[in-house]
Amino acid sequence: MGHSHHFHLDQGDHSITVNVGPGRSGEIELLVDGKVVAYQKHHSPGMNVLTGELPEEPAHPFRVLLRQPHLVPSMPRCTLELDGVEQPMPERLVL
């Protein structure tokens, strides 16, 4: 059985967090400043995409790309795409 993964990145005055549930099909939560803005009940191998907005005037849209390997069981990778630029989101340990 797998374990949960947590990715986090500070973007200006905002925090963006992605929580991935245990196993290869657990849920995905996308949080901005600690509030859930997108939720996917199950994720699948390959690419999963969630969208959100930074609460600014005007709102600033972004995407999070979660890559789950197809064949080899390994850790997912998470990337923030904002203004056409991709930034890896580091995994953080949550106790």
PDB file of N, CA and C in Angstrom:
ATOM      1  N   MET A   1       0.840  -1.178   0.000  1.00  0.00           N
ATOM      2  CA  MET A   1       0.000   0.000   0.000  1.00  0.00           C
ATOM      3  C   MET A   1       0.881   1.235   0.000  1.00  0.00           C
ATOM      4  N   GLY A   2       0.544   2.243  -0.821  1.00  0.00           N
ATOM      5  CA  GLY A   2       1.329   3.457  -0.905  1.00  0.00           C
ATOM      6  C   GLY A   2       1.030   4.393   0.244  1.00  0.00           C
ATOM      7  N   HIS A   3       1.690   5.522   0.209  1.00  0.00           N
ATOM      8  CA  HIS A   3       1.434   6.535   1.230  1.00  0.00           C
ATOM      9  C   HIS A   3       1.076   7.856   0.557  1.00  0.00           C
ATOM     10  N   SER A   4       0.624   8.804   1.326  1.00  0.00           N
ATOM     11  CA  SER A   4       0.227  10.105   0.802  1.00  0.00           C
ATOM     12  C   SER A   4       1.457  10.914   0.409  1.00  0.00           C
ATOM     13  N   HIS A   5       1.242  11.837  -0.525  1.00  0.00           N
ATOM     14  CA  HIS A   5       2.299  12.756  -0.949  1.00  0.00           C
ATOM     15  C   HIS A   5       1.765  14.176  -0.803  1.00  0.00           C
ATOM     16  N   HIS A   6       2.641  15.085  -0.433  1.00  0.00           N
ATOM     17  CA  HIS A   6       2.268  16.484  -0.222  1.00  0.00           C
ATOM     18  C   HIS A   6       3.302  17.359  -0.923  1.00  0.00           C
ATOM     19  N   PHE A   7       2.822  18.228  -1.806  1.00  0.00           N
ATOM     20  CA  PHE A   7       3.695  19.135  -2.547  1.00  0.00           C
ATOM     21  C   PHE A   7       3.312  20.559  -2.173  1.00  0.00           C
ATOM     22  N   HIS A   8       4.310  21.443  -2.116  1.00  0.00           N
ATOM     23  CA  HIS A   8       4.031  22.814  -1.677  1.00  0.00           C
ATOM     24  C   HIS A   8       4.973  23.787  -2.371  1.00  0.00           C
ATOM     25  N   LEU A   9       4.417  24.969  -2.682  1.00  0.00           N
ATOM     26  CA  LEU A   9       5.214  26.033  -3.281  1.00  0.00           C
ATOM     27  C   LEU A   9       4.605  27.363  -2.872  1.00  0.00           C
ATOM     28  N   ASP A  10       5.440  28.287  -2.427  1.00  0.00           N
ATOM     29  CA  ASP A  10       4.977  29.644  -2.160  1.00  0.00           C
ATOM     30  C   ASP A  10       5.107  30.445  -3.443  1.00  0.00           C
ATOM     31  N   GLN A  11       4.054  31.173  -3.787  1.00  0.00           N
ATOM     32  CA  GLN A  11       4.024  31.976  -5.002  1.00  0.00           C
ATOM     33  C   GLN A  11       3.619  33.389  -4.621  1.00  0.00           C
ATOM     34  N   GLY A  12       4.590  34.286  -4.507  1.00  0.00           N
ATOM     35  CA  GLY A  12       4.297  35.629  -4.029  1.00  0.00           C
ATOM     36  C   GLY A  12       3.800  35.558  -2.602  1.00  0.00           C
ATOM     37  N   ASP A  13       2.648  36.167  -2.336  1.00  0.00           N
ATOM     38  CA  ASP A  13       2.054  36.155  -0.999  1.00  0.00           C
ATOM     39  C   ASP A  13       1.138  34.957  -0.771  1.00  0.00           C
ATOM     40  N   HIS A  14       1.114  34.010  -1.697  1.00  0.00           N
ATOM     41  CA  HIS A  14       0.180  32.883  -1.625  1.00  0.00           C
ATOM     42  C   HIS A  14       0.920  31.558  -1.514  1.00  0.00           C
ATOM     43  N   SER A  15       0.255  30.590  -0.898  1.00  0.00           N
ATOM     44  CA  SER A  15       0.804  29.241  -0.830  1.00  0.00           C
ATOM     45  C   SER A  15      -0.072  28.315  -1.662  1.00  0.00           C
ATOM     46  N   ILE A  16       0.584  27.405  -2.389  1.00  0.00           N
ATOM     47  CA  ILE A  16      -0.116  26.425  -3.208  1.00  0.00           C
ATOM     48  C   ILE A  16       0.327  25.050  -2.721  1.00  0.00           C
ATOM     49  N   THR A  17      -0.650  24.220  -2.382  1.00  0.00           N
ATOM     50  CA  THR A  17      -0.373  22.895  -1.842  1.00  0.00           C
ATOM     51  C   THR A  17      -1.184  21.862  -2.612  1.00  0.00           C
ATOM     52  N   VAL A  18      -0.560  20.715  -2.876  1.00  0.00           N
ATOM     53  CA  VAL A  18      -1.241  19.592  -3.513  1.00  0.00           C
ATOM     54  C   VAL A  18      -1.081  18.393  -2.593  1.00  0.00           C
ATOM     55  N   ASN A  19      -2.197  17.798  -2.188  1.00  0.00           N
ATOM     56  CA  ASN A  19      -2.203  16.584  -1.369  1.00  0.00           C
ATOM     57  C   ASN A  19      -2.703  15.440  -2.231  1.00  0.00           C
ATOM     58  N   VAL A  20      -1.907  14.368  -2.294  1.00  0.00           N
ATOM     59  CA  VAL A  20      -2.258  13.199  -3.094  1.00  0.00           C
ATOM     60  C   VAL A  20      -2.471  12.036  -2.140  1.00  0.00           C
ATOM     61  N   GLY A  21      -3.659  11.466  -2.171  1.00  0.00           N
ATOM     62  CA  GLY A  21      -4.005  10.368  -1.273  1.00  0.00           C
ATOM     63  C   GLY A  21      -3.182   9.125  -1.532  1.00  0.00           C
ATOM     64  N   PRO A  22      -3.222   8.188  -0.598  1.00  0.00           N
ATOM     65  CA  PRO A  22      -2.403   6.988  -0.711  1.00  0.00           C
ATOM     66  C   PRO A  22      -2.823   6.090  -1.869  1.00  0.00           C
ATOM     67  N   GLY A  23      -1.888   5.269  -2.300  1.00  0.00           N
ATOM     68  CA  GLY A  23      -2.158   4.329  -3.377  1.00  0.00           C
ATOM     69  C   GLY A  23      -2.030   4.993  -4.736  1.00  0.00           C
ATOM     70  N   ARG A  24      -2.229   4.194  -5.774  1.00  0.00           N
ATOM     71  CA  ARG A  24      -2.076   4.702  -7.136  1.00  0.00           C
ATOM     72  C   ARG A  24      -3.366   5.340  -7.656  1.00  0.00           C
ATOM     73  N   SER A  25      -4.421   5.376  -6.815  1.00  0.00           N
ATOM     74  CA  SER A  25      -5.669   5.982  -7.297  1.00  0.00           C
ATOM     75  C   SER A  25      -6.306   6.888  -6.250  1.00  0.00           C
ATOM     76  N   GLY A  26      -5.558   7.332  -5.254  1.00  0.00           N
ATOM     77  CA  GLY A  26      -6.107   8.178  -4.198  1.00  0.00           C
ATOM     78  C   GLY A  26      -6.553   9.539  -4.700  1.00  0.00           C
ATOM     79  N   GLU A  27      -7.258  10.270  -3.856  1.00  0.00           N
ATOM     80  CA  GLU A  27      -7.788  11.579  -4.223  1.00  0.00           C
ATOM     81  C   GLU A  27      -6.671  12.621  -4.305  1.00  0.00           C
ATOM     82  N   ILE A  28      -6.985  13.720  -4.993  1.00  0.00           N
ATOM     83  CA  ILE A  28      -6.060  14.846  -5.108  1.00  0.00           C
ATOM     84  C   ILE A  28      -6.791  16.093  -4.634  1.00  0.00           C
ATOM     85  N   GLU A  29      -6.147  16.850  -3.746  1.00  0.00           N
ATOM     86  CA  GLU A  29      -6.677  18.147  -3.310  1.00  0.00           C
ATOM     87  C   GLU A  29      -5.691  19.228  -3.726  1.00  0.00           C
ATOM     88  N   LEU A  30      -6.223  20.319  -4.255  1.00  0.00           N
ATOM     89  CA  LEU A  30      -5.423  21.500  -4.573  1.00  0.00           C
ATOM     90  C   LEU A  30      -5.877  22.606  -3.635  1.00  0.00           C
ATOM     91  N   LEU A  31      -4.946  23.141  -2.849  1.00  0.00           N
ATOM     92  CA  LEU A  31      -5.260  24.196  -1.893  1.00  0.00           C
ATOM     93  C   LEU A  31      -4.495  25.474  -2.233  1.00  0.00           C
ATOM     94  N   VAL A  32      -5.169  26.591  -2.085  1.00  0.00           N
ATOM     95  CA  VAL A  32      -4.534  27.907  -2.190  1.00  0.00           C
ATOM     96  C   VAL A  32      -4.766  28.598  -0.859  1.00  0.00           C
ATOM     97  N   ASP A  33      -3.685  28.995  -0.228  1.00  0.00           N
ATOM     98  CA  ASP A  33      -3.748  29.651   1.084  1.00  0.00           C
ATOM     99  C   ASP A  33      -4.554  28.818   2.087  1.00  0.00           C
ATOM    100  N   GLY A  34      -4.393  27.486   2.017  1.00  0.00           N
ATOM    101  CA  GLY A  34      -5.040  26.585   2.968  1.00  0.00           C
ATOM    102  C   GLY A  34      -6.482  26.245   2.666  1.00  0.00           C
ATOM    103  N   LYS A  35      -7.036  26.750   1.562  1.00  0.00           N
ATOM    104  CA  LYS A  35      -8.431  26.466   1.204  1.00  0.00           C
ATOM    105  C   LYS A  35      -8.472  25.593  -0.044  1.00  0.00           C
ATOM    106  N   VAL A  36      -9.303  24.541  -0.013  1.00  0.00           N
ATOM    107  CA  VAL A  36      -9.426  23.648  -1.160  1.00  0.00           C
ATOM    108  C   VAL A  36     -10.101  24.403  -2.309  1.00  0.00           C
ATOM    109  N   VAL A  37      -9.429  24.429  -3.465  1.00  0.00           N
ATOM    110  CA  VAL A  37      -9.987  25.103  -4.646  1.00  0.00           C
ATOM    111  C   VAL A  37     -10.287  24.125  -5.778  1.00  0.00           C
ATOM    112  N   ALA A  38      -9.729  22.896  -5.676  1.00  0.00           N
ATOM    113  CA  ALA A  38     -10.020  21.862  -6.675  1.00  0.00           C
ATOM    114  C   ALA A  38      -9.833  20.503  -6.003  1.00  0.00           C
ATOM    115  N   TYR A  39     -10.640  19.546  -6.461  1.00  0.00           N
ATOM    116  CA  TYR A  39     -10.608  18.218  -5.860  1.00  0.00           C
ATOM    117  C   TYR A  39     -10.895  17.207  -6.958  1.00  0.00           C
ATOM    118  N   GLN A  40     -10.146  16.125  -6.936  1.00  0.00           N
ATOM    119  CA  GLN A  40     -10.373  15.028  -7.871  1.00  0.00           C
ATOM    120  C   GLN A  40     -10.440  13.755  -7.047  1.00  0.00           C
ATOM    121  N   LYS A  41     -11.539  13.028  -7.152  1.00  0.00           N
ATOM    122  CA  LYS A  41     -11.757  11.873  -6.283  1.00  0.00           C
ATOM    123  C   LYS A  41     -10.714  10.774  -6.493  1.00  0.00           C
ATOM    124  N   HIS A  42     -10.335  10.531  -7.728  1.00  0.00           N
ATOM    125  CA  HIS A  42      -9.334   9.510  -8.040  1.00  0.00           C
ATOM    126  C   HIS A  42      -8.342  10.091  -9.035  1.00  0.00           C
ATOM    127  N   HIS A  43      -7.080   9.684  -8.907  1.00  0.00           N
ATOM    128  CA  HIS A  43      -6.139  10.024  -9.959  1.00  0.00           C
ATOM    129  C   HIS A  43      -5.725   8.746 -10.658  1.00  0.00           C
ATOM    130  N   SER A  44      -5.295   8.885 -11.876  1.00  0.00           N
ATOM    131  CA  SER A  44      -4.935   7.720 -12.664  1.00  0.00           C
ATOM    132  C   SER A  44      -3.476   7.814 -13.076  1.00  0.00           C
ATOM    133  N   PRO A  45      -2.884   6.700 -13.486  1.00  0.00           N
ATOM    134  CA  PRO A  45      -1.520   6.764 -13.998  1.00  0.00           C
ATOM    135  C   PRO A  45      -1.465   7.723 -15.185  1.00  0.00           C
ATOM    136  N   GLY A  46      -0.335   8.354 -15.369  1.00  0.00           N
ATOM    137  CA  GLY A  46      -0.189   9.327 -16.442  1.00  0.00           C
ATOM    138  C   GLY A  46      -0.328  10.733 -15.889  1.00  0.00           C
ATOM    139  N   MET A  47      -0.938  11.614 -16.665  1.00  0.00           N
ATOM    140  CA  MET A  47      -1.038  13.027 -16.304  1.00  0.00           C
ATOM    141  C   MET A  47      -2.420  13.342 -15.742  1.00  0.00           C
ATOM    142  N   ASN A  48      -2.433  14.036 -14.614  1.00  0.00           N
ATOM    143  CA  ASN A  48      -3.661  14.568 -14.023  1.00  0.00           C
ATOM    144  C   ASN A  48      -3.484  16.080 -13.935  1.00  0.00           C
ATOM    145  N   VAL A  49      -4.506  16.821 -14.319  1.00  0.00           N
ATOM    146  CA  VAL A  49      -4.422  18.284 -14.349  1.00  0.00           C
ATOM    147  C   VAL A  49      -5.517  18.868 -13.471  1.00  0.00           C
ATOM    148  N   LEU A  50      -5.127  19.781 -12.573  1.00  0.00           N
ATOM    149  CA  LEU A  50      -6.089  20.530 -11.766  1.00  0.00           C
ATOM    150  C   LEU A  50      -5.850  22.010 -12.024  1.00  0.00           C
ATOM    151  N   THR A  51      -6.929  22.784 -11.985  1.00  0.00           N
ATOM    152  CA  THR A  51      -6.803  24.220 -12.214  1.00  0.00           C
ATOM    153  C   THR A  51      -7.255  24.987 -10.991  1.00  0.00           C
ATOM    154  N   GLY A  52      -6.688  26.164 -10.815  1.00  0.00           N
ATOM    155  CA  GLY A  52      -7.051  27.031  -9.709  1.00  0.00           C
ATOM    156  C   GLY A  52      -6.757  28.476 -10.069  1.00  0.00           C
ATOM    157  N   GLU A  53      -7.023  29.360  -9.126  1.00  0.00           N
ATOM    158  CA  GLU A  53      -6.746  30.789  -9.308  1.00  0.00           C
ATOM    159  C   GLU A  53      -6.125  31.333  -8.036  1.00  0.00           C
ATOM    160  N   LEU A  54      -5.158  32.220  -8.214  1.00  0.00           N
ATOM    161  CA  LEU A  54      -4.636  32.956  -7.071  1.00  0.00           C
ATOM    162  C   LEU A  54      -5.601  34.100  -6.807  1.00  0.00           C
ATOM    163  N   PRO A  55      -5.973  34.330  -5.542  1.00  0.00           N
ATOM    164  CA  PRO A  55      -6.977  35.345  -5.216  1.00  0.00           C
ATOM    165  C   PRO A  55      -6.385  36.755  -5.269  1.00  0.00           C
ATOM    166  N   GLU A  56      -6.269  37.249  -6.467  1.00  0.00           N
ATOM    167  CA  GLU A  56      -5.758  38.604  -6.689  1.00  0.00           C
ATOM    168  C   GLU A  56      -6.772  39.348  -7.534  1.00  0.00           C
ATOM    169  N   GLU A  57      -6.565  40.611  -7.725  1.00  0.00           N
ATOM    170  CA  GLU A  57      -7.417  41.414  -8.613  1.00  0.00           C
ATOM    171  C   GLU A  57      -6.617  41.813  -9.827  1.00  0.00           C
ATOM    172  N   PRO A  58      -6.872  41.317 -10.995  1.00  0.00           N
ATOM    173  CA  PRO A  58      -7.846  40.261 -11.288  1.00  0.00           C
ATOM    174  C   PRO A  58      -7.297  38.894 -10.853  1.00  0.00           C
ATOM    175  N   ALA A  59      -8.176  37.903 -10.789  1.00  0.00           N
ATOM    176  CA  ALA A  59      -7.763  36.548 -10.406  1.00  0.00           C
ATOM    177  C   ALA A  59      -6.690  36.046 -11.370  1.00  0.00           C
ATOM    178  N   HIS A  60      -5.757  35.276 -10.847  1.00  0.00           N
ATOM    179  CA  HIS A  60      -4.602  34.816 -11.610  1.00  0.00           C
ATOM    180  C   HIS A  60      -4.687  33.289 -11.766  1.00  0.00           C
ATOM    181  N   PRO A  61      -5.134  32.792 -12.937  1.00  0.00           N
ATOM    182  CA  PRO A  61      -5.325  31.351 -13.117  1.00  0.00           C
ATOM    183  C   PRO A  61      -3.992  30.602 -13.233  1.00  0.00           C
ATOM    184  N   PHE A  62      -4.000  29.327 -12.824  1.00  0.00           N
ATOM    185  CA  PHE A  62      -2.831  28.469 -12.950  1.00  0.00           C
ATOM    186  C   PHE A  62      -3.292  27.026 -13.093  1.00  0.00           C
ATOM    187  N   ARG A  63      -2.350  26.162 -13.462  1.00  0.00           N
ATOM    188  CA  ARG A  63      -2.612  24.719 -13.543  1.00  0.00           C
ATOM    189  C   ARG A  63      -1.562  23.986 -12.730  1.00  0.00           C
ATOM    190  N   VAL A  64      -1.967  22.847 -12.197  1.00  0.00           N
ATOM    191  CA  VAL A  64      -1.037  21.940 -11.534  1.00  0.00           C
ATOM    192  C   VAL A  64      -1.065  20.635 -12.313  1.00  0.00           C
ATOM    193  N   LEU A  65       0.115  20.163 -12.687  1.00  0.00           N
ATOM    194  CA  LEU A  65       0.256  18.924 -13.438  1.00  0.00           C
ATOM    195  C   LEU A  65       0.826  17.868 -12.507  1.00  0.00           C
ATOM    196  N   LEU A  66       0.104  16.797 -12.322  1.00  0.00           N
ATOM    197  CA  LEU A  66       0.552  15.699 -11.464  1.00  0.00           C
ATOM    198  C   LEU A  66       0.824  14.500 -12.368  1.00  0.00           C
ATOM    199  N   ARG A  67       2.084  14.090 -12.396  1.00  0.00           N
ATOM    200  CA  ARG A  67       2.486  12.963 -13.238  1.00  0.00           C
ATOM    201  C   ARG A  67       2.678  11.725 -12.365  1.00  0.00           C
ATOM    202  N   GLN A  68       1.890  10.701 -12.648  1.00  0.00           N
ATOM    203  CA  GLN A  68       1.988   9.427 -11.943  1.00  0.00           C
ATOM    204  C   GLN A  68       2.502   8.411 -12.951  1.00  0.00           C
ATOM    205  N   PRO A  69       3.690   7.824 -12.722  1.00  0.00           N
ATOM    206  CA  PRO A  69       4.244   6.868 -13.685  1.00  0.00           C
ATOM    207  C   PRO A  69       3.269   5.721 -13.989  1.00  0.00           C
ATOM    208  N   HIS A  70       3.266   5.297 -15.257  1.00  0.00           N
ATOM    209  CA  HIS A  70       2.370   4.225 -15.704  1.00  0.00           C
ATOM    210  C   HIS A  70       2.803   2.845 -15.230  1.00  0.00           C
ATOM    211  N   LEU A  71       4.041   2.469 -15.533  1.00  0.00           N
ATOM    212  CA  LEU A  71       4.460   1.088 -15.370  1.00  0.00           C
ATOM    213  C   LEU A  71       5.259   0.818 -14.103  1.00  0.00           C
ATOM    214  N   VAL A  72       6.126   1.723 -13.752  1.00  0.00           N
ATOM    215  CA  VAL A  72       7.003   1.500 -12.608  1.00  0.00           C
ATOM    216  C   VAL A  72       6.452   2.222 -11.388  1.00  0.00           C
ATOM    217  N   PRO A  73       6.183   1.517 -10.294  1.00  0.00           N
ATOM    218  CA  PRO A  73       5.704   2.204  -9.092  1.00  0.00           C
ATOM    219  C   PRO A  73       6.789   3.148  -8.557  1.00  0.00           C
ATOM    220  N   SER A  74       6.539   4.421  -8.649  1.00  0.00           N
ATOM    221  CA  SER A  74       7.464   5.410  -8.115  1.00  0.00           C
ATOM    222  C   SER A  74       6.671   6.638  -7.694  1.00  0.00           C
ATOM    223  N   MET A  75       7.364   7.577  -7.090  1.00  0.00           N
ATOM    224  CA  MET A  75       6.701   8.770  -6.556  1.00  0.00           C
ATOM    225  C   MET A  75       6.141   9.633  -7.684  1.00  0.00           C
ATOM    226  N   PRO A  76       4.980  10.231  -7.458  1.00  0.00           N
ATOM    227  CA  PRO A  76       4.463  11.176  -8.449  1.00  0.00           C
ATOM    228  C   PRO A  76       5.314  12.436  -8.468  1.00  0.00           C
ATOM    229  N   ARG A  77       5.235  13.161  -9.582  1.00  0.00           N
ATOM    230  CA  ARG A  77       5.899  14.463  -9.695  1.00  0.00           C
ATOM    231  C   ARG A  77       4.821  15.515  -9.905  1.00  0.00           C
ATOM    232  N   CYS A  78       5.038  16.683  -9.330  1.00  0.00           N
ATOM    233  CA  CYS A  78       4.039  17.740  -9.376  1.00  0.00           C
ATOM    234  C   CYS A  78       4.698  19.011  -9.901  1.00  0.00           C
ATOM    235  N   THR A  79       4.004  19.688 -10.825  1.00  0.00           N
ATOM    236  CA  THR A  79       4.531  20.893 -11.453  1.00  0.00           C
ATOM    237  C   THR A  79       3.451  21.975 -11.455  1.00  0.00           C
ATOM    238  N   LEU A  80       3.847  23.198 -11.115  1.00  0.00           N
ATOM    239  CA  LEU A  80       2.958  24.355 -11.203  1.00  0.00           C
ATOM    240  C   LEU A  80       3.195  25.033 -12.539  1.00  0.00           C
ATOM    241  N   GLU A  81       2.117  25.315 -13.275  1.00  0.00           N
ATOM    242  CA  GLU A  81       2.213  26.060 -14.529  1.00  0.00           C
ATOM    243  C   GLU A  81       1.482  27.383 -14.343  1.00  0.00           C
ATOM    244  N   LEU A  82       2.252  28.474 -14.323  1.00  0.00           N
ATOM    245  CA  LEU A  82       1.712  29.811 -14.093  1.00  0.00           C
ATOM    246  C   LEU A  82       2.322  30.754 -15.110  1.00  0.00           C
ATOM    247  N   ASP A  83       1.486  31.477 -15.830  1.00  0.00           N
ATOM    248  CA  ASP A  83       1.945  32.411 -16.868  1.00  0.00           C
ATOM    249  C   ASP A  83       2.827  31.729 -17.903  1.00  0.00           C
ATOM    250  N   GLY A  84       2.509  30.461 -18.231  1.00  0.00           N
ATOM    251  CA  GLY A  84       3.248  29.735 -19.251  1.00  0.00           C
ATOM    252  C   GLY A  84       4.590  29.178 -18.792  1.00  0.00           C
ATOM    253  N   VAL A  85       4.913  29.346 -17.515  1.00  0.00           N
ATOM    254  CA  VAL A  85       6.188  28.861 -16.974  1.00  0.00           C
ATOM    255  C   VAL A  85       5.902  27.700 -16.019  1.00  0.00           C
ATOM    256  N   GLU A  86       6.642  26.600 -16.197  1.00  0.00           N
ATOM    257  CA  GLU A  86       6.483  25.446 -15.317  1.00  0.00           C
ATOM    258  C   GLU A  86       7.540  25.471 -14.224  1.00  0.00           C
ATOM    259  N   GLN A  87       7.103  25.233 -12.986  1.00  0.00           N
ATOM    260  CA  GLN A  87       7.996  25.164 -11.827  1.00  0.00           C
ATOM    261  C   GLN A  87       7.732  23.853 -11.102  1.00  0.00           C
ATOM    262  N   PRO A  88       8.777  23.056 -10.838  1.00  0.00           N
ATOM    263  CA  PRO A  88       8.555  21.858 -10.042  1.00  0.00           C
ATOM    264  C   PRO A  88       8.090  22.230  -8.628  1.00  0.00           C
ATOM    265  N   MET A  89       7.161  21.468  -8.109  1.00  0.00           N
ATOM    266  CA  MET A  89       6.695  21.669  -6.745  1.00  0.00           C
ATOM    267  C   MET A  89       7.390  20.630  -5.866  1.00  0.00           C
ATOM    268  N   PRO A  90       8.198  21.058  -4.913  1.00  0.00           N
ATOM    269  CA  PRO A  90       8.889  20.085  -4.087  1.00  0.00           C
ATOM    270  C   PRO A  90       7.936  19.358  -3.150  1.00  0.00           C
ATOM    271  N   GLU A  91       8.261  18.088  -2.902  1.00  0.00           N
ATOM    272  CA  GLU A  91       7.465  17.318  -1.938  1.00  0.00           C
ATOM    273  C   GLU A  91       7.916  17.707  -0.550  1.00  0.00           C
ATOM    274  N   ARG A  92       6.960  17.782   0.369  1.00  0.00           N
ATOM    275  CA  ARG A  92       7.304  18.099   1.749  1.00  0.00           C
ATOM    276  C   ARG A  92       6.802  16.981   2.653  1.00  0.00           C
ATOM    277  N   LEU A  93       7.537  16.797   3.709  1.00  0.00           N
ATOM    278  CA  LEU A  93       7.182  15.771   4.676  1.00  0.00           C
ATOM    279  C   LEU A  93       6.132  16.332   5.616  1.00  0.00           C
ATOM    280  N   VAL A  94       5.038  15.607   5.773  1.00  0.00           N
ATOM    281  CA  VAL A  94       3.980  16.006   6.686  1.00  0.00           C
ATOM    282  C   VAL A  94       3.859  14.909   7.726  1.00  0.00           C
ATOM    283  N   LEU A  95       4.026  15.284   8.987  1.00  0.00           N
ATOM    284  CA  LEU A  95       3.950  14.297  10.066  1.00  0.00           C
ATOM    285  C   LEU A  95       2.569  14.227  10.661  1.00  0.00           C
TER     286      LEU A  95
END
